Amino acid sequence: MIINEEFSRSRNISVSNFSGGAEGLPGGACGLLAVVGDFSLDALLKAARCMQYRGRTGAGVTLKSLYKDTGFFNFHIMFRSEDKISELDEVLSSMGLRILEKRDMVQRKFYYAYDLPVIMHYSIVPPSPEEMMYREHIQNESEYIAKVVSRFNRQYIDDARIFSSSRYNGTFLTAFELKETIDIYDIHQFENSYYDACLIHLRWPTSQGRGLWWGPQPISIGEIAGVHNGHLSSDMSNARALEQLDIMLTAGTDSEAIFLSVAYLLKQGYSLEEIEWVMCRKFPQELCAMAPEDKERFDALMADPLLYRMKMSGPATAITLVEDVVVGFTDRDHLRSFSVGVNDKVALLGSEQRAVISAAYFMHEELNMYDPEAGKIIGFEVKDKKVTKLDYGWKKHD
């Protein structure tokens, strides 16, 4: 992907090259690392690079609360062609969004060094509550933003992608390695900024979606972001459940269905235990061992035709950020590894122990380490850098 011509082609990439070209997507396995609490960004980035061997290309970083004091929504948008920017700005305006400011997120020198799309930061103000209600029958700003971003990404999938659309969080990704992603966005500039959680992902998703610039994670829509390792045999079932709830996939990967399902279940007030039951189904022998009242609750959940489709079948580890809550879990067969390290200051979650241990080492933190059992969910809440481990009965209350 590095180019040597005098001038970069990157401000007008063909649809074919934008989706992988003749080379397609490389093999490998996804690397995941997440942290909540009071931590060093530099230490976390350094630790995540130990997973680079798992997959050569595709990397991203989500920083929670990076934009917490801006007072507007922060869109990160990639445009396949510079010629499309003005046209798609008009589309955003037609959706009721007001563009306060826009700027290039990447220094010019990187457009000469890499075949990049045009990557811009937009400061966005949503419509008034009355206009949102008129347009979409929605009064909540975050819900409205998620709705129109999903629509934009589906309709203009060949030309652009809004890959970060939060009021508070920022996601940064490229089709390259983590080191290059860090350099292209100068992520180290945020070391002294405010943030209280971070998600890092290395490599493409297993399901190709739209390819090079559509696949890299974290996948971020509004206040939801997630990273995933593995491949789901249930991806079509997951997507059908979300479609019936009028929740549309935009990146086109199996991973996105997991993150949106978890966000839906949290916002509907299901407990962590109930979310675990929905996503990571019980084996028959486990059902026989359940207490009668738990078995009755489980059966009631499985009787719901939509919840029944929200299973996570196949080898997978997933970590999802929904507002102030981070949850992580593996498939019920434990075909993907998952490690956790915690103390009273931070909680680290990763796809392999050495990444978590490396982060603790670079942060000079001593952690209690463990690997959650197969199919078990773990959750943390973070507010103002303070971390709380959530018990099985915890439910989200708006």
Protein backbone atom coordinates (compact mmCIF):
# COMPACT_ATOMS: atom_id res chain seq x y z
CA MET A 1 0.00 0.00 0.00
CA ILE A 2 3.01 2.35 0.33
CA ILE A 3 3.55 4.15 -2.94
CA ASN A 4 6.63 5.75 -4.48
CA GLU A 5 5.22 8.02 -7.15
CA GLU A 6 5.90 11.71 -6.95
CA PHE A 7 2.23 12.44 -6.34
CA SER A 8 -0.19 10.35 -4.33
CA ARG A 9 -3.15 8.63 -5.98
CA SER A 10 -4.81 8.56 -2.60
CA ARG A 11 -7.20 11.46 -3.01
CA ASN A 12 -9.10 9.54 -5.67
CA ILE A 13 -9.04 5.77 -4.96
CA SER A 14 -10.97 3.45 -7.26
CA VAL A 15 -13.86 1.48 -5.80
CA SER A 16 -11.96 -1.75 -6.53
CA ASN A 17 -8.82 -0.64 -4.69
CA PHE A 18 -10.92 0.80 -1.89
CA SER A 19 -12.31 -2.70 -1.35
CA GLY A 20 -9.06 -4.65 -1.62
CA GLY A 21 -8.35 -4.89 -5.34
CA ALA A 22 -7.02 -8.05 -6.93
CA GLU A 23 -5.00 -8.91 -3.82
CA GLY A 24 -8.09 -9.25 -1.67
CA LEU A 25 -7.62 -9.42 2.07
CA PRO A 26 -4.64 -10.99 3.87
CA GLY A 27 -4.90 -13.86 6.31
CA GLY A 28 -4.25 -13.73 10.02
CA ALA A 29 -6.13 -13.38 13.28
CA CYS A 30 -7.50 -10.30 15.02
CA GLY A 31 -5.76 -8.89 18.08
CA LEU A 32 -7.87 -7.14 20.75
CA LEU A 33 -6.85 -4.97 23.69
CA ALA A 34 -9.10 -2.71 25.77
CA VAL A 35 -8.70 -0.76 28.99
CA VAL A 36 -10.95 1.30 31.26
CA GLY A 37 -9.86 3.56 34.10
CA ASP A 38 -6.83 5.76 34.73
CA PHE A 39 -4.10 4.58 32.36
CA SER A 40 -1.23 5.61 30.11
CA LEU A 41 -2.13 5.72 26.42
CA ASP A 42 1.51 5.39 25.39
CA ALA A 43 1.87 2.20 27.47
CA LEU A 44 -1.28 0.71 25.99
CA LEU A 45 -0.25 1.43 22.39
CA LYS A 46 3.17 -0.06 23.07
CA ALA A 47 1.63 -3.21 24.54
CA ALA A 48 -0.86 -3.64 21.67
CA ARG A 49 1.94 -3.79 19.14
CA CYS A 50 3.03 -7.13 20.60
CA MET A 51 -0.02 -8.61 18.84
CA GLN A 52 0.97 -7.36 15.39
CA TYR A 53 2.20 -10.83 14.42
CA ARG A 54 -1.46 -12.01 14.43
CA GLY A 55 -2.33 -10.08 11.27
CA ARG A 56 -0.31 -7.80 9.06
CA THR A 57 -2.72 -5.04 8.20
CA GLY A 58 -5.79 -3.14 9.37
CA ALA A 59 -5.72 -1.39 12.73
CA GLY A 60 -7.77 1.05 14.79
CA VAL A 61 -8.04 2.84 18.12
CA THR A 62 -11.11 4.21 19.94
CA LEU A 63 -10.57 6.74 22.74
CA LYS A 64 -13.56 7.22 25.03
CA SER A 65 -14.23 10.78 26.29
CA LEU A 66 -11.58 12.35 24.03
CA TYR A 67 -14.14 14.96 22.90
CA LYS A 68 -16.10 15.21 26.13
CA ASP A 69 -15.82 19.00 26.34
CA THR A 70 -16.50 19.96 22.71
CA GLY A 71 -20.28 20.36 23.02
CA PHE A 72 -21.04 18.92 19.57
CA PHE A 73 -20.81 15.62 17.69
CA ASN A 74 -17.45 14.73 16.16
CA PHE A 75 -17.56 12.91 12.84
CA HIS A 76 -14.49 11.23 11.37
CA ILE A 77 -15.22 10.64 7.68
CA MET A 78 -13.17 8.96 4.95
CA PHE A 79 -13.88 9.94 1.35
CA ARG A 80 -12.74 7.69 -1.49
CA SER A 81 -12.39 10.71 -3.77
CA GLU A 82 -11.72 14.35 -2.99
CA ASP A 83 -14.25 15.19 -5.71
CA LYS A 84 -17.05 13.69 -3.60
CA ILE A 85 -16.63 15.90 -0.53
CA SER A 86 -18.79 18.84 -1.59
CA GLU A 87 -21.57 16.57 -2.86
CA LEU A 88 -21.65 14.53 0.35
CA ASP A 89 -21.52 17.65 2.51
CA GLU A 90 -24.82 18.56 0.88
CA VAL A 91 -26.16 15.13 1.75
CA LEU A 92 -25.27 15.64 5.42
CA SER A 93 -27.01 19.01 5.37
CA SER A 94 -30.09 17.46 3.77
CA MET A 95 -30.25 15.07 6.73
CA GLY A 96 -30.65 18.06 9.04
CA LEU A 97 -27.03 18.11 10.25
CA ARG A 98 -25.29 21.45 10.59
CA ILE A 99 -21.55 21.46 9.82
CA LEU A 100 -19.83 23.90 12.16
CA GLU A 101 -16.30 23.18 10.97
CA LYS A 102 -14.31 20.62 9.02
CA ARG A 103 -10.60 19.95 8.77
CA ASP A 104 -8.19 17.37 7.40
CA MET A 105 -7.17 14.83 10.06
CA VAL A 106 -4.04 13.69 8.22
CA GLN A 107 -0.94 15.73 7.43
CA ARG A 108 -0.26 16.20 3.73
CA LYS A 109 2.99 14.21 3.87
CA PHE A 110 1.08 11.01 4.63
CA TYR A 111 -1.01 11.39 1.48
CA TYR A 112 2.28 11.34 -0.45
CA ALA A 113 3.55 8.29 1.46
CA TYR A 114 0.40 6.11 1.54
CA ASP A 115 -2.58 5.42 -0.67
CA LEU A 116 -5.11 6.96 1.70
CA PRO A 117 -8.68 8.12 1.31
CA VAL A 118 -9.29 11.73 2.32
CA ILE A 119 -9.88 11.64 6.08
CA MET A 120 -11.71 14.59 7.62
CA HIS A 121 -12.96 15.70 11.04
CA TYR A 122 -16.39 17.36 11.10
CA SER A 123 -17.95 19.28 13.99
CA ILE A 124 -21.67 18.49 13.74
CA VAL A 125 -24.80 19.87 15.39
CA PRO A 126 -28.02 17.81 15.10
CA PRO A 127 -31.42 19.39 14.37
CA SER A 128 -33.68 20.77 17.08
CA PRO A 129 -35.86 18.24 18.97
CA GLU A 130 -38.87 19.41 16.97
CA GLU A 131 -37.10 18.88 13.65
CA MET A 132 -35.74 15.46 14.72
CA MET A 133 -39.27 14.45 15.65
CA TYR A 134 -40.55 15.66 12.27
CA ARG A 135 -37.82 13.92 10.30
CA GLU A 136 -37.39 10.60 12.14
CA HIS A 137 -39.89 10.56 15.04
CA ILE A 138 -36.86 10.70 17.38
CA GLN A 139 -36.14 13.27 20.09
CA ASN A 140 -32.88 11.86 21.47
CA GLU A 141 -29.85 13.40 19.73
CA SER A 142 -27.64 10.30 19.97
CA GLU A 143 -30.36 8.08 18.52
CA TYR A 144 -30.94 10.53 15.69
CA ILE A 145 -27.22 10.69 14.88
CA ALA A 146 -26.94 6.89 14.86
CA LYS A 147 -29.94 6.67 12.53
CA VAL A 148 -28.70 9.13 9.94
CA VAL A 149 -25.10 7.87 10.09
CA SER A 150 -26.31 4.33 9.40
CA ARG A 151 -28.37 5.58 6.46
CA PHE A 152 -25.49 7.64 5.06
CA ASN A 153 -23.03 4.74 5.31
CA ARG A 154 -25.41 2.35 3.54
CA GLN A 155 -26.39 4.73 0.74
CA TYR A 156 -22.89 6.03 -0.03
CA ILE A 157 -20.90 2.88 0.71
CA ASP A 158 -18.76 3.19 -2.44
CA ASP A 159 -17.80 6.79 -1.79
CA ALA A 160 -17.46 7.47 1.93
CA ARG A 161 -17.71 6.09 5.43
CA ILE A 162 -18.47 7.92 8.67
CA PHE A 163 -16.30 5.77 10.93
CA SER A 164 -16.67 7.81 14.13
CA SER A 165 -19.80 9.78 15.06
CA SER A 166 -19.80 10.25 18.83
CA ARG A 167 -20.38 13.31 20.95
CA TYR A 168 -17.60 12.12 23.27
CA ASN A 169 -15.43 9.44 21.66
CA GLY A 170 -12.97 9.36 18.77
CA THR A 171 -12.14 6.37 16.55
CA PHE A 172 -9.05 6.31 14.36
CA LEU A 173 -8.40 3.55 11.82
CA THR A 174 -6.50 2.69 8.66
CA ALA A 175 -5.97 -0.27 6.35
CA PHE A 176 -2.36 -0.50 7.57
CA GLU A 177 -0.53 -1.77 10.64
CA LEU A 178 -0.99 -0.31 14.12
CA LYS A 179 2.31 1.59 14.00
CA GLU A 180 1.26 3.29 10.78
CA THR A 181 -2.19 4.07 12.15
CA ILE A 182 -0.58 5.72 15.18
CA ASP A 183 1.77 7.74 12.95
CA ILE A 184 -0.84 8.80 10.37
CA TYR A 185 -3.14 10.27 13.04
CA ASP A 186 -0.32 11.21 15.41
CA ILE A 187 -2.24 9.42 18.18
CA HIS A 188 0.55 10.13 20.65
CA GLN A 189 -0.62 13.76 20.59
CA PHE A 190 -3.53 12.63 22.77
CA GLU A 191 -1.31 11.29 25.55
CA ASN A 192 -2.06 14.32 27.74
CA SER A 193 -5.71 14.59 26.69
CA TYR A 194 -8.63 13.31 28.74
CA TYR A 195 -9.81 9.75 28.10
CA ASP A 196 -11.13 7.02 30.37
CA ALA A 197 -11.28 3.98 28.08
CA CYS A 198 -9.58 2.72 24.95
CA LEU A 199 -10.27 -0.09 22.45
CA ILE A 200 -7.59 -1.32 20.04
CA HIS A 201 -8.01 -3.77 17.17
CA LEU A 202 -5.46 -5.25 14.76
CA ARG A 203 -6.28 -6.84 11.38
CA TRP A 204 -9.31 -7.03 9.12
CA PRO A 205 -12.48 -8.73 10.24
CA THR A 206 -12.83 -12.33 9.08
CA SER A 207 -15.98 -11.56 7.09
CA GLN A 208 -14.79 -9.23 4.36
CA GLY A 209 -17.61 -6.70 4.32
CA ARG A 210 -16.55 -4.05 1.81
CA GLY A 211 -12.84 -4.74 2.14
CA LEU A 212 -9.83 -2.61 2.93
CA TRP A 213 -11.26 0.62 4.23
CA TRP A 214 -14.61 -0.74 5.40
CA GLY A 215 -13.31 -3.65 7.44
CA PRO A 216 -10.85 -2.28 10.03
CA GLN A 217 -12.19 -2.03 13.58
CA PRO A 218 -13.16 -0.69 16.08
CA ILE A 219 -16.55 -0.33 14.49
CA SER A 220 -18.07 2.80 15.97
CA ILE A 221 -21.60 4.19 15.63
CA GLY A 222 -22.52 7.04 17.97
CA GLU A 223 -21.73 6.01 21.55
CA ILE A 224 -21.26 2.34 20.61
CA ALA A 225 -17.88 0.88 19.67
CA GLY A 226 -16.56 -2.65 19.58
CA VAL A 227 -13.74 -5.03 18.67
CA HIS A 228 -14.12 -8.70 17.77
CA ASN A 229 -11.87 -11.68 17.09
CA GLY A 230 -13.22 -14.72 15.25
CA HIS A 231 -15.97 -15.58 12.81
CA LEU A 232 -19.67 -16.05 13.49
CA SER A 233 -21.71 -18.78 11.89
CA SER A 234 -24.74 -16.92 13.28
CA ASP A 235 -24.09 -13.65 11.43
CA MET A 236 -27.16 -13.89 9.19
CA SER A 237 -29.37 -14.72 12.16
CA ASN A 238 -27.93 -11.75 14.08
CA ALA A 239 -28.52 -9.40 11.16
CA ARG A 240 -32.13 -10.53 10.71
CA ALA A 241 -32.94 -9.84 14.36
CA LEU A 242 -31.49 -6.33 14.13
CA GLU A 243 -33.28 -5.59 10.86
CA GLN A 244 -36.62 -6.44 12.47
CA LEU A 245 -35.79 -3.88 15.15
CA ASP A 246 -34.95 -1.32 12.44
CA ILE A 247 -31.27 -1.44 13.47
CA MET A 248 -29.20 -1.60 10.29
CA LEU A 249 -25.65 -2.82 9.76
CA THR A 250 -23.42 -0.28 8.04
CA ALA A 251 -19.92 -1.81 7.91
CA GLY A 252 -21.31 -5.10 6.60
CA THR A 253 -19.37 -7.45 8.91
CA ASP A 254 -20.41 -10.12 11.38
CA SER A 255 -18.69 -8.16 14.18
CA GLU A 256 -21.03 -5.19 13.89
CA ALA A 257 -24.05 -7.40 14.61
CA ILE A 258 -22.53 -8.41 17.95
CA PHE A 259 -21.90 -4.84 19.08
CA LEU A 260 -25.34 -3.59 18.10
CA SER A 261 -27.03 -6.59 19.72
CA VAL A 262 -25.22 -6.00 23.02
CA ALA A 263 -26.09 -2.29 22.89
CA TYR A 264 -29.76 -3.11 22.29
CA LEU A 265 -29.88 -5.60 25.17
CA LEU A 266 -28.19 -3.17 27.56
CA LYS A 267 -30.52 -0.32 26.65
CA GLN A 268 -33.56 -2.59 27.05
CA GLY A 269 -32.57 -3.17 30.66
CA TYR A 270 -31.47 -6.81 30.52
CA SER A 271 -29.02 -7.89 33.21
CA LEU A 272 -25.48 -8.97 32.34
CA GLU A 273 -26.46 -12.53 33.13
CA GLU A 274 -29.43 -12.34 30.77
CA ILE A 275 -27.22 -10.85 28.03
CA GLU A 276 -24.84 -13.77 28.54
CA TRP A 277 -27.73 -16.22 28.19
CA VAL A 278 -28.88 -14.58 24.96
CA MET A 279 -25.45 -14.25 23.34
CA CYS A 280 -23.72 -17.41 24.63
CA ARG A 281 -26.28 -20.21 24.72
CA LYS A 282 -26.31 -22.89 27.38
CA PHE A 283 -25.49 -26.52 26.65
CA PRO A 284 -28.17 -29.08 27.60
CA GLN A 285 -26.21 -30.27 30.63
CA GLU A 286 -25.91 -26.69 31.84
CA LEU A 287 -29.65 -26.21 31.54
CA CYS A 288 -30.24 -29.32 33.66
CA ALA A 289 -28.03 -27.83 36.39
CA MET A 290 -29.81 -24.43 36.49
CA ALA A 291 -32.04 -23.45 39.40
CA PRO A 292 -35.75 -23.72 38.45
CA GLU A 293 -36.34 -19.96 38.59
CA ASP A 294 -33.27 -19.30 36.39
CA LYS A 295 -34.34 -21.98 33.92
CA GLU A 296 -37.77 -20.36 33.72
CA ARG A 297 -36.21 -16.97 32.97
CA PHE A 298 -33.88 -18.52 30.39
CA ASP A 299 -36.75 -20.27 28.62
CA ALA A 300 -38.72 -17.02 28.52
CA LEU A 301 -35.82 -15.25 26.82
CA MET A 302 -35.38 -18.04 24.28
CA ALA A 303 -39.10 -17.92 23.49
CA ASP A 304 -38.69 -14.36 22.18
CA PRO A 305 -38.23 -14.71 18.39
CA LEU A 306 -35.84 -11.74 18.18
CA LEU A 307 -33.70 -12.58 21.19
CA TYR A 308 -33.45 -16.16 19.98
CA ARG A 309 -31.66 -14.88 16.86
CA MET A 310 -29.12 -12.80 18.83
CA LYS A 311 -26.76 -15.67 19.53
CA MET A 312 -22.99 -15.67 19.10
CA SER A 313 -22.25 -18.99 17.40
CA GLY A 314 -18.76 -19.84 16.23
CA PRO A 315 -15.28 -18.99 17.53
CA ALA A 316 -15.33 -15.44 18.89
CA THR A 317 -14.16 -12.99 21.52
CA ALA A 318 -15.92 -9.62 21.63
CA ILE A 319 -15.45 -6.42 23.63
CA THR A 320 -18.14 -3.75 23.35
CA LEU A 321 -18.27 -0.18 24.66
CA VAL A 322 -21.77 1.25 25.15
CA GLU A 323 -21.65 4.72 26.69
CA ASP A 324 -20.01 4.17 30.12
CA VAL A 325 -20.09 0.37 30.07
CA VAL A 326 -17.58 -2.11 28.64
CA VAL A 327 -18.54 -5.78 28.35
CA GLY A 328 -16.50 -8.67 27.05
CA PHE A 329 -17.16 -12.36 26.47
CA THR A 330 -16.09 -15.43 24.51
CA ASP A 331 -18.03 -18.07 22.64
CA ARG A 332 -19.40 -20.95 24.70
CA ASP A 333 -16.82 -23.40 23.24
CA HIS A 334 -13.89 -21.14 24.19
CA LEU A 335 -12.42 -21.37 20.70
CA ARG A 336 -10.95 -17.87 21.09
CA SER A 337 -8.84 -16.83 24.06
CA PHE A 338 -9.79 -14.01 26.43
CA SER A 339 -7.75 -12.60 29.32
CA VAL A 340 -8.57 -9.98 31.96
CA GLY A 341 -6.37 -8.08 34.40
CA VAL A 342 -7.79 -5.79 37.09
CA ASN A 343 -6.85 -3.68 40.09
CA ASP A 344 -8.56 -0.75 41.78
CA LYS A 345 -7.29 1.65 39.11
CA VAL A 346 -7.67 -0.08 35.73
CA ALA A 347 -9.25 -3.07 34.02
CA LEU A 348 -7.57 -4.56 30.96
CA LEU A 349 -9.21 -7.00 28.53
CA GLY A 350 -7.36 -8.72 25.70
CA SER A 351 -7.32 -11.55 23.20
CA GLU A 352 -4.12 -12.90 24.71
CA GLN A 353 -2.45 -12.80 28.10
CA ARG A 354 0.81 -11.33 26.98
CA ALA A 355 -0.85 -8.17 25.67
CA VAL A 356 -2.54 -7.61 29.04
CA ILE A 357 0.66 -8.43 30.94
CA SER A 358 2.70 -6.15 28.65
CA ALA A 359 0.28 -3.27 29.24
CA ALA A 360 0.50 -3.79 33.00
CA TYR A 361 4.30 -3.83 32.77
CA PHE A 362 4.50 -0.61 30.76
CA MET A 363 1.95 1.04 33.08
CA HIS A 364 3.82 -0.14 36.20
CA GLU A 365 0.62 -1.71 37.49
CA GLU A 366 0.15 -4.98 39.39
CA LEU A 367 -2.99 -6.79 38.22
CA ASN A 368 -5.06 -9.76 39.26
CA MET A 369 -5.05 -11.88 36.10
CA TYR A 370 -7.59 -14.46 35.01
CA ASP A 371 -9.22 -15.96 31.92
CA PRO A 372 -13.04 -15.91 32.08
CA GLU A 373 -14.69 -19.28 31.54
CA ALA A 374 -16.16 -20.17 28.17
CA GLY A 375 -19.25 -18.14 27.34
CA LYS A 376 -19.00 -15.99 30.47
CA ILE A 377 -19.61 -12.26 30.31
CA ILE A 378 -17.66 -9.66 32.26
CA GLY A 379 -18.59 -5.99 32.60
CA PHE A 380 -17.09 -2.75 33.89
CA GLU A 381 -18.49 0.74 34.26
CA VAL A 382 -16.19 3.75 34.02
CA LYS A 383 -17.02 7.31 35.04
CA ASP A 384 -14.42 10.04 35.50
CA LYS A 385 -11.68 7.39 35.23
CA LYS A 386 -13.16 5.43 38.15
CA VAL A 387 -13.74 1.73 37.38
CA THR A 388 -16.46 -0.46 38.86
CA LYS A 389 -16.73 -4.18 38.17
CA LEU A 390 -20.36 -5.07 37.46
CA ASP A 391 -22.04 -8.11 38.97
CA TYR A 392 -24.22 -10.55 37.06
CA GLY A 393 -27.45 -8.91 38.17
CA TRP A 394 -26.44 -5.40 37.07
CA LYS A 395 -28.79 -3.63 34.66
CA LYS A 396 -28.33 -0.37 32.82
CA HIS A 397 -30.71 2.39 33.89
CA ASP A 398 -31.00 5.57 31.80
